[in-house]
PDB file of N, CA and C in Angstrom:
ATOM      1  N   MET A   1       7.704   0.540  -6.105  1.00  0.00           N
ATOM      2  CA  MET A   1       6.494  -0.173  -5.908  1.00  0.00           C
ATOM      3  C   MET A   1       6.872  -1.569  -5.343  1.00  0.00           C
ATOM      4  N   THR A   2       6.123  -2.006  -4.374  1.00  0.00           N
ATOM      5  CA  THR A   2       6.324  -3.260  -3.710  1.00  0.00           C
ATOM      6  C   THR A   2       5.056  -4.120  -3.780  1.00  0.00           C
ATOM      7  N   LYS A   3       5.178  -5.371  -4.167  1.00  0.00           N
ATOM      8  CA  LYS A   3       3.998  -6.256  -4.285  1.00  0.00           C
ATOM      9  C   LYS A   3       4.212  -7.483  -3.411  1.00  0.00           C
ATOM     10  N   ARG A   4       3.125  -7.921  -2.781  1.00  0.00           N
ATOM     11  CA  ARG A   4       3.130  -9.140  -1.949  1.00  0.00           C
ATOM     12  C   ARG A   4       1.908  -9.965  -2.383  1.00  0.00           C
ATOM     13  N   VAL A   5       2.136 -11.278  -2.667  1.00  0.00           N
ATOM     14  CA  VAL A   5       1.082 -12.209  -3.061  1.00  0.00           C
ATOM     15  C   VAL A   5       0.929 -13.255  -1.950  1.00  0.00           C
ATOM     16  N   PHE A   6      -0.317 -13.621  -1.633  1.00  0.00           N
ATOM     17  CA  PHE A   6      -0.578 -14.592  -0.549  1.00  0.00           C
ATOM     18  C   PHE A   6      -1.163 -15.851  -1.103  1.00  0.00           C
ATOM     19  N   ASN A   7      -1.087 -16.919  -0.322  1.00  0.00           N
ATOM     20  CA  ASN A   7      -1.570 -18.246  -0.762  1.00  0.00           C
ATOM     21  C   ASN A   7      -3.105 -18.364  -0.631  1.00  0.00           C
ATOM     22  N   ASN A   8      -3.720 -17.590   0.230  1.00  0.00           N
ATOM     23  CA  ASN A   8      -5.156 -17.661   0.385  1.00  0.00           C
ATOM     24  C   ASN A   8      -5.741 -16.312   0.798  1.00  0.00           C
ATOM     25  N   ASP A   9      -7.063 -16.180   0.603  1.00  0.00           N
ATOM     26  CA  ASP A   9      -7.801 -14.898   0.913  1.00  0.00           C
ATOM     27  C   ASP A   9      -7.644 -14.487   2.331  1.00  0.00           C
ATOM     28  N   SER A  10      -7.711 -15.447   3.260  1.00  0.00           N
ATOM     29  CA  SER A  10      -7.665 -15.121   4.711  1.00  0.00           C
ATOM     30  C   SER A  10      -6.281 -14.548   5.076  1.00  0.00           C
ATOM     31  N   ALA A  11      -5.212 -15.119   4.581  1.00  0.00           N
ATOM     32  CA  ALA A  11      -3.860 -14.623   4.882  1.00  0.00           C
ATOM     33  C   ALA A  11      -3.731 -13.196   4.375  1.00  0.00           C
ATOM     34  N   ALA A  12      -4.220 -12.944   3.174  1.00  0.00           N
ATOM     35  CA  ALA A  12      -4.098 -11.591   2.589  1.00  0.00           C
ATOM     36  C   ALA A  12      -4.924 -10.615   3.411  1.00  0.00           C
ATOM     37  N   SER A  13      -6.102 -10.986   3.772  1.00  0.00           N
ATOM     38  CA  SER A  13      -7.001 -10.089   4.554  1.00  0.00           C
ATOM     39  C   SER A  13      -6.323  -9.740   5.895  1.00  0.00           C
ATOM     40  N   LEU A  14      -5.789 -10.736   6.565  1.00  0.00           N
ATOM     41  CA  LEU A  14      -5.143 -10.483   7.847  1.00  0.00           C
ATOM     42  C   LEU A  14      -3.884  -9.628   7.766  1.00  0.00           C
ATOM     43  N   ALA A  15      -3.179  -9.736   6.661  1.00  0.00           N
ATOM     44  CA  ALA A  15      -1.893  -9.055   6.507  1.00  0.00           C
ATOM     45  C   ALA A  15      -2.005  -7.621   6.067  1.00  0.00           C
ATOM     46  N   LYS A  16      -3.112  -7.209   5.465  1.00  0.00           N
ATOM     47  CA  LYS A  16      -3.249  -5.848   4.910  1.00  0.00           C
ATOM     48  C   LYS A  16      -3.057  -4.733   5.961  1.00  0.00           C
ATOM     49  N   GLY A  17      -3.657  -4.880   7.119  1.00  0.00           N
ATOM     50  CA  GLY A  17      -3.520  -3.869   8.155  1.00  0.00           C
ATOM     51  C   GLY A  17      -2.065  -3.708   8.628  1.00  0.00           C
ATOM     52  N   PRO A  18      -1.408  -4.796   9.041  1.00  0.00           N
ATOM     53  CA  PRO A  18      -0.004  -4.682   9.433  1.00  0.00           C
ATOM     54  C   PRO A  18       0.901  -4.161   8.343  1.00  0.00           C
ATOM     55  N   ILE A  19       0.701  -4.574   7.116  1.00  0.00           N
ATOM     56  CA  ILE A  19       1.521  -4.121   5.983  1.00  0.00           C
ATOM     57  C   ILE A  19       1.342  -2.616   5.819  1.00  0.00           C
ATOM     58  N   ARG A  20       0.140  -2.172   5.855  1.00  0.00           N
ATOM     59  CA  ARG A  20      -0.184  -0.730   5.694  1.00  0.00           C
ATOM     60  C   ARG A  20       0.457   0.088   6.834  1.00  0.00           C
ATOM     61  N   SER A  21       0.328  -0.386   8.043  1.00  0.00           N
ATOM     62  CA  SER A  21       0.896   0.288   9.208  1.00  0.00           C
ATOM     63  C   SER A  21       2.410   0.339   9.127  1.00  0.00           C
ATOM     64  N   GLN A  22       3.032  -0.852   8.860  1.00  0.00           N
ATOM     65  CA  GLN A  22       4.515  -0.893   8.792  1.00  0.00           C
ATOM     66  C   GLN A  22       5.055   0.011   7.683  1.00  0.00           C
ATOM     67  N   ALA A  23       4.360   0.013   6.513  1.00  0.00           N
ATOM     68  CA  ALA A  23       4.854   0.886   5.422  1.00  0.00           C
ATOM     69  C   ALA A  23       4.775   2.339   5.796  1.00  0.00           C
ATOM     70  N   ALA A  24       3.731   2.729   6.460  1.00  0.00           N
ATOM     71  CA  ALA A  24       3.609   4.127   6.922  1.00  0.00           C
ATOM     72  C   ALA A  24       4.729   4.433   7.975  1.00  0.00           C
ATOM     73  N   ASN A  25       4.968   3.555   8.858  1.00  0.00           N
ATOM     74  CA  ASN A  25       6.028   3.716   9.867  1.00  0.00           C
ATOM     75  C   ASN A  25       7.402   3.844   9.209  1.00  0.00           C
ATOM     76  N   LEU A  26       7.726   2.972   8.270  1.00  0.00           N
ATOM     77  CA  LEU A  26       8.999   3.042   7.581  1.00  0.00           C
ATOM     78  C   LEU A  26       9.153   4.328   6.786  1.00  0.00           C
ATOM     79  N   LEU A  27       8.086   4.789   6.155  1.00  0.00           N
ATOM     80  CA  LEU A  27       8.131   6.071   5.395  1.00  0.00           C
ATOM     81  C   LEU A  27       8.394   7.249   6.375  1.00  0.00           C
ATOM     82  N   ASP A  28       7.756   7.198   7.500  1.00  0.00           N
ATOM     83  CA  ASP A  28       8.001   8.290   8.493  1.00  0.00           C
ATOM     84  C   ASP A  28       9.435   8.283   8.966  1.00  0.00           C
ATOM     85  N   ARG A  29       9.994   7.103   9.122  1.00  0.00           N
ATOM     86  CA  ARG A  29      11.268   6.963   9.667  1.00  0.00           C
ATOM     87  C   ARG A  29      12.399   7.238   8.610  1.00  0.00           C
ATOM     88  N   TYR A  30      12.237   6.669   7.397  1.00  0.00           N
ATOM     89  CA  TYR A  30      13.266   6.690   6.414  1.00  0.00           C
ATOM     90  C   TYR A  30      12.874   7.331   5.063  1.00  0.00           C
ATOM     91  N   GLY A  31      11.709   7.916   5.007  1.00  0.00           N
ATOM     92  CA  GLY A  31      11.143   8.321   3.719  1.00  0.00           C
ATOM     93  C   GLY A  31      11.823   9.399   2.897  1.00  0.00           C
ATOM     94  N   GLY A  32      12.543  10.249   3.470  1.00  0.00           N
ATOM     95  CA  GLY A  32      13.220  11.262   2.683  1.00  0.00           C
ATOM     96  C   GLY A  32      12.447  12.562   2.624  1.00  0.00           C
ATOM     97  N   GLY A  33      11.708  12.859   3.680  1.00  0.00           N
ATOM     98  CA  GLY A  33      11.007  14.171   3.747  1.00  0.00           C
ATOM     99  C   GLY A  33       9.833  14.306   2.806  1.00  0.00           C
ATOM    100  N   GLU A  34       9.684  15.469   2.199  1.00  0.00           N
ATOM    101  CA  GLU A  34       8.519  15.761   1.408  1.00  0.00           C
ATOM    102  C   GLU A  34       8.498  14.991   0.098  1.00  0.00           C
ATOM    103  N   ALA A  35       9.687  14.537  -0.368  1.00  0.00           N
ATOM    104  CA  ALA A  35       9.758  13.793  -1.638  1.00  0.00           C
ATOM    105  C   ALA A  35       9.054  12.455  -1.545  1.00  0.00           C
ATOM    106  N   LEU A  36       9.052  11.848  -0.382  1.00  0.00           N
ATOM    107  CA  LEU A  36       8.447  10.530  -0.190  1.00  0.00           C
ATOM    108  C   LEU A  36       7.820  10.466   1.150  1.00  0.00           C
ATOM    109  N   SER A  37       6.497  10.602   1.231  1.00  0.00           N
ATOM    110  CA  SER A  37       5.834  10.568   2.527  1.00  0.00           C
ATOM    111  C   SER A  37       4.596   9.668   2.470  1.00  0.00           C
ATOM    112  N   ALA A  38       4.031   9.300   3.585  1.00  0.00           N
ATOM    113  CA  ALA A  38       2.872   8.425   3.623  1.00  0.00           C
ATOM    114  C   ALA A  38       1.655   9.075   2.894  1.00  0.00           C
ATOM    115  N   SER A  39       1.609  10.404   2.921  1.00  0.00           N
ATOM    116  CA  SER A  39       0.503  11.068   2.256  1.00  0.00           C
ATOM    117  C   SER A  39       0.550  10.904   0.766  1.00  0.00           C
ATOM    118  N   ASP A  40       1.710  10.604   0.196  1.00  0.00           N
ATOM    119  CA  ASP A  40       1.869  10.409  -1.222  1.00  0.00           C
ATOM    120  C   ASP A  40       1.750   8.958  -1.655  1.00  0.00           C
ATOM    121  N   MET A  41       1.671   8.059  -0.698  1.00  0.00           N
ATOM    122  CA  MET A  41       1.671   6.596  -1.007  1.00  0.00           C
ATOM    123  C   MET A  41       0.335   5.984  -0.831  1.00  0.00           C
ATOM    124  N   ARG A  42       0.054   4.929  -1.611  1.00  0.00           N
ATOM    125  CA  ARG A  42      -1.214   4.232  -1.578  1.00  0.00           C
ATOM    126  C   ARG A  42      -0.999   2.739  -1.486  1.00  0.00           C
ATOM    127  N   LEU A  43      -1.942   2.047  -0.920  1.00  0.00           N
ATOM    128  CA  LEU A  43      -1.955   0.612  -0.876  1.00  0.00           C
ATOM    129  C   LEU A  43      -3.120   0.186  -1.744  1.00  0.00           C
ATOM    130  N   LEU A  44      -2.825  -0.639  -2.733  1.00  0.00           N
ATOM    131  CA  LEU A  44      -3.881  -1.218  -3.648  1.00  0.00           C
ATOM    132  C   LEU A  44      -3.941  -2.675  -3.329  1.00  0.00           C
ATOM    133  N   SER A  45      -5.121  -3.215  -3.154  1.00  0.00           N
ATOM    134  CA  SER A  45      -5.199  -4.631  -2.734  1.00  0.00           C
ATOM    135  C   SER A  45      -6.344  -5.349  -3.443  1.00  0.00           C
ATOM    136  N   GLY A  46      -6.085  -6.635  -3.691  1.00  0.00           N
ATOM    137  CA  GLY A  46      -7.071  -7.536  -4.238  1.00  0.00           C
ATOM    138  C   GLY A  46      -7.293  -8.678  -3.212  1.00  0.00           C
ATOM    139  N   LYS A  47      -7.899  -9.731  -3.636  1.00  0.00           N
ATOM    140  CA  LYS A  47      -8.183 -10.829  -2.724  1.00  0.00           C
ATOM    141  C   LYS A  47      -6.916 -11.488  -2.183  1.00  0.00           C
ATOM    142  N   ARG A  48      -5.897 -11.643  -3.009  1.00  0.00           N
ATOM    143  CA  ARG A  48      -4.677 -12.341  -2.581  1.00  0.00           C
ATOM    144  C   ARG A  48      -3.376 -11.534  -2.828  1.00  0.00           C
ATOM    145  N   TRP A  49      -3.496 -10.251  -3.034  1.00  0.00           N
ATOM    146  CA  TRP A  49      -2.288  -9.434  -3.266  1.00  0.00           C
ATOM    147  C   TRP A  49      -2.413  -8.038  -2.693  1.00  0.00           C
ATOM    148  N   VAL A  50      -1.250  -7.464  -2.440  1.00  0.00           N
ATOM    149  CA  VAL A  50      -1.188  -6.072  -1.906  1.00  0.00           C
ATOM    150  C   VAL A  50       0.036  -5.429  -2.646  1.00  0.00           C
ATOM    151  N   VAL A  51      -0.218  -4.204  -3.111  1.00  0.00           N
ATOM    152  CA  VAL A  51       0.842  -3.441  -3.771  1.00  0.00           C
ATOM    153  C   VAL A  51       0.873  -2.060  -3.120  1.00  0.00           C
ATOM    154  N   ILE A  52       2.089  -1.612  -2.828  1.00  0.00           N
ATOM    155  CA  ILE A  52       2.277  -0.266  -2.291  1.00  0.00           C
ATOM    156  C   ILE A  52       3.161   0.553  -3.208  1.00  0.00           C
ATOM    157  N   GLY A  53       2.717   1.774  -3.538  1.00  0.00           N
ATOM    158  CA  GLY A  53       3.542   2.658  -4.402  1.00  0.00           C
ATOM    159  C   GLY A  53       3.009   4.043  -4.315  1.00  0.00           C
ATOM    160  N   ASN A  54       3.605   4.920  -5.133  1.00  0.00           N
ATOM    161  CA  ASN A  54       3.170   6.308  -5.047  1.00  0.00           C
ATOM    162  C   ASN A  54       1.763   6.466  -5.628  1.00  0.00           C
ATOM    163  N   ALA A  55       1.075   7.531  -5.277  1.00  0.00           N
ATOM    164  CA  ALA A  55      -0.273   7.677  -5.648  1.00  0.00           C
ATOM    165  C   ALA A  55      -0.548   7.635  -7.171  1.00  0.00           C
ATOM    166  N   ASP A  56       0.325   8.267  -7.932  1.00  0.00           N
ATOM    167  CA  ASP A  56       0.155   8.203  -9.447  1.00  0.00           C
ATOM    168  C   ASP A  56       0.287   6.770  -9.971  1.00  0.00           C
ATOM    169  N   GLN A  57       1.293   6.040  -9.522  1.00  0.00           N
ATOM    170  CA  GLN A  57       1.455   4.674  -9.958  1.00  0.00           C
ATOM    171  C   GLN A  57       0.236   3.833  -9.588  1.00  0.00           C
ATOM    172  N   MET A  58      -0.246   3.971  -8.350  1.00  0.00           N
ATOM    173  CA  MET A  58      -1.310   3.172  -7.837  1.00  0.00           C
ATOM    174  C   MET A  58      -2.624   3.552  -8.567  1.00  0.00           C
ATOM    175  N   SER A  59      -2.814   4.791  -8.914  1.00  0.00           N
ATOM    176  CA  SER A  59      -4.049   5.208  -9.621  1.00  0.00           C
ATOM    177  C   SER A  59      -4.060   4.550 -11.040  1.00  0.00           C
ATOM    178  N   ARG A  60      -2.893   4.543 -11.684  1.00  0.00           N
ATOM    179  CA  ARG A  60      -2.827   3.936 -13.019  1.00  0.00           C
ATOM    180  C   ARG A  60      -3.046   2.376 -12.932  1.00  0.00           C
ATOM    181  N   LEU A  61      -2.455   1.790 -11.895  1.00  0.00           N
ATOM    182  CA  LEU A  61      -2.641   0.387 -11.697  1.00  0.00           C
ATOM    183  C   LEU A  61      -4.064   0.007 -11.349  1.00  0.00           C
ATOM    184  N   GLN A  62      -4.733   0.854 -10.528  1.00  0.00           N
ATOM    185  CA  GLN A  62      -6.062   0.634 -10.209  1.00  0.00           C
ATOM    186  C   GLN A  62      -6.979   0.726 -11.460  1.00  0.00           C
ATOM    187  N   ALA A  63      -6.653   1.615 -12.357  1.00  0.00           N
ATOM    188  CA  ALA A  63      -7.435   1.737 -13.628  1.00  0.00           C
ATOM    189  C   ALA A  63      -7.351   0.469 -14.410  1.00  0.00           C
ATOM    190  N   ASP A  64      -6.192  -0.193 -14.346  1.00  0.00           N
ATOM    191  CA  ASP A  64      -5.983  -1.502 -15.068  1.00  0.00           C
ATOM    192  C   ASP A  64      -6.557  -2.639 -14.304  1.00  0.00           C
ATOM    193  N   TRP A  65      -6.284  -2.749 -13.042  1.00  0.00           N
ATOM    194  CA  TRP A  65      -6.588  -3.920 -12.236  1.00  0.00           C
ATOM    195  C   TRP A  65      -7.896  -3.768 -11.430  1.00  0.00           C
ATOM    196  N   GLY A  66      -8.334  -2.580 -11.184  1.00  0.00           N
ATOM    197  CA  GLY A  66      -9.464  -2.383 -10.342  1.00  0.00           C
ATOM    198  C   GLY A  66      -9.082  -2.584  -8.866  1.00  0.00           C
ATOM    199  N   ARG A  67      -9.963  -2.988  -8.046  1.00  0.00           N
ATOM    200  CA  ARG A  67      -9.803  -3.276  -6.615  1.00  0.00           C
ATOM    201  C   ARG A  67      -9.745  -2.057  -5.756  1.00  0.00           C
ATOM    202  N   GLN A  68      -9.408  -2.228  -4.482  1.00  0.00           N
ATOM    203  CA  GLN A  68      -9.518  -1.182  -3.488  1.00  0.00           C
ATOM    204  C   GLN A  68      -8.172  -0.482  -3.177  1.00  0.00           C
ATOM    205  N   MET A  69      -8.194   0.884  -3.141  1.00  0.00           N
ATOM    206  CA  MET A  69      -7.016   1.639  -2.897  1.00  0.00           C
ATOM    207  C   MET A  69      -7.200   2.411  -1.580  1.00  0.00           C
ATOM    208  N   GLN A  70      -6.160   2.491  -0.764  1.00  0.00           N
ATOM    209  CA  GLN A  70      -6.178   3.175   0.558  1.00  0.00           C
ATOM    210  C   GLN A  70      -4.937   4.021   0.669  1.00  0.00           C
ATOM    211  N   SER A  71      -5.050   5.144   1.341  1.00  0.00           N
ATOM    212  CA  SER A  71      -3.935   6.013   1.649  1.00  0.00           C
ATOM    213  C   SER A  71      -3.175   5.406   2.871  1.00  0.00           C
ATOM    214  N   LEU A  72      -1.864   5.633   2.910  1.00  0.00           N
ATOM    215  CA  LEU A  72      -1.132   5.209   4.088  1.00  0.00           C
ATOM    216  C   LEU A  72      -1.080   6.269   5.129  1.00  0.00           C
ATOM    217  N   GLU A  73      -1.541   7.483   4.772  1.00  0.00           N
ATOM    218  CA  GLU A  73      -1.434   8.649   5.710  1.00  0.00           C
ATOM    219  C   GLU A  73      -2.213   8.423   6.958  1.00  0.00           C
ATOM    220  N   SER A  74      -3.397   7.735   6.886  1.00  0.00           N
ATOM    221  CA  SER A  74      -4.188   7.573   8.116  1.00  0.00           C
ATOM    222  C   SER A  74      -3.535   6.609   9.137  1.00  0.00           C
ATOM    223  N   GLU A  75      -2.450   5.954   8.727  1.00  0.00           N
ATOM    224  CA  GLU A  75      -1.756   5.083   9.659  1.00  0.00           C
ATOM    225  C   GLU A  75      -0.717   5.771  10.494  1.00  0.00           C
ATOM    226  N   ARG A  76      -0.487   7.029  10.267  1.00  0.00           N
ATOM    227  CA  ARG A  76       0.571   7.810  10.984  1.00  0.00           C
ATOM    228  C   ARG A  76       0.211   7.935  12.444  1.00  0.00           C
TER     229      ARG A  76
END
């Protein structure tokens, strides 16, 4: 799981798209096949933070923290 915190809402909002895209690209390039792929990963984000991890981890974290979750698969 990787977490990034931003100083303000605008910076976080602008960074979410590139972070999501770059994470999907890195998984495609170095992910390790079926064991770790963009389809298994999720991005969970709040106003000033972004977390990327596997779908199970992010579902549990979303249950605790709330906020918006997105798949990385659509970035392929």
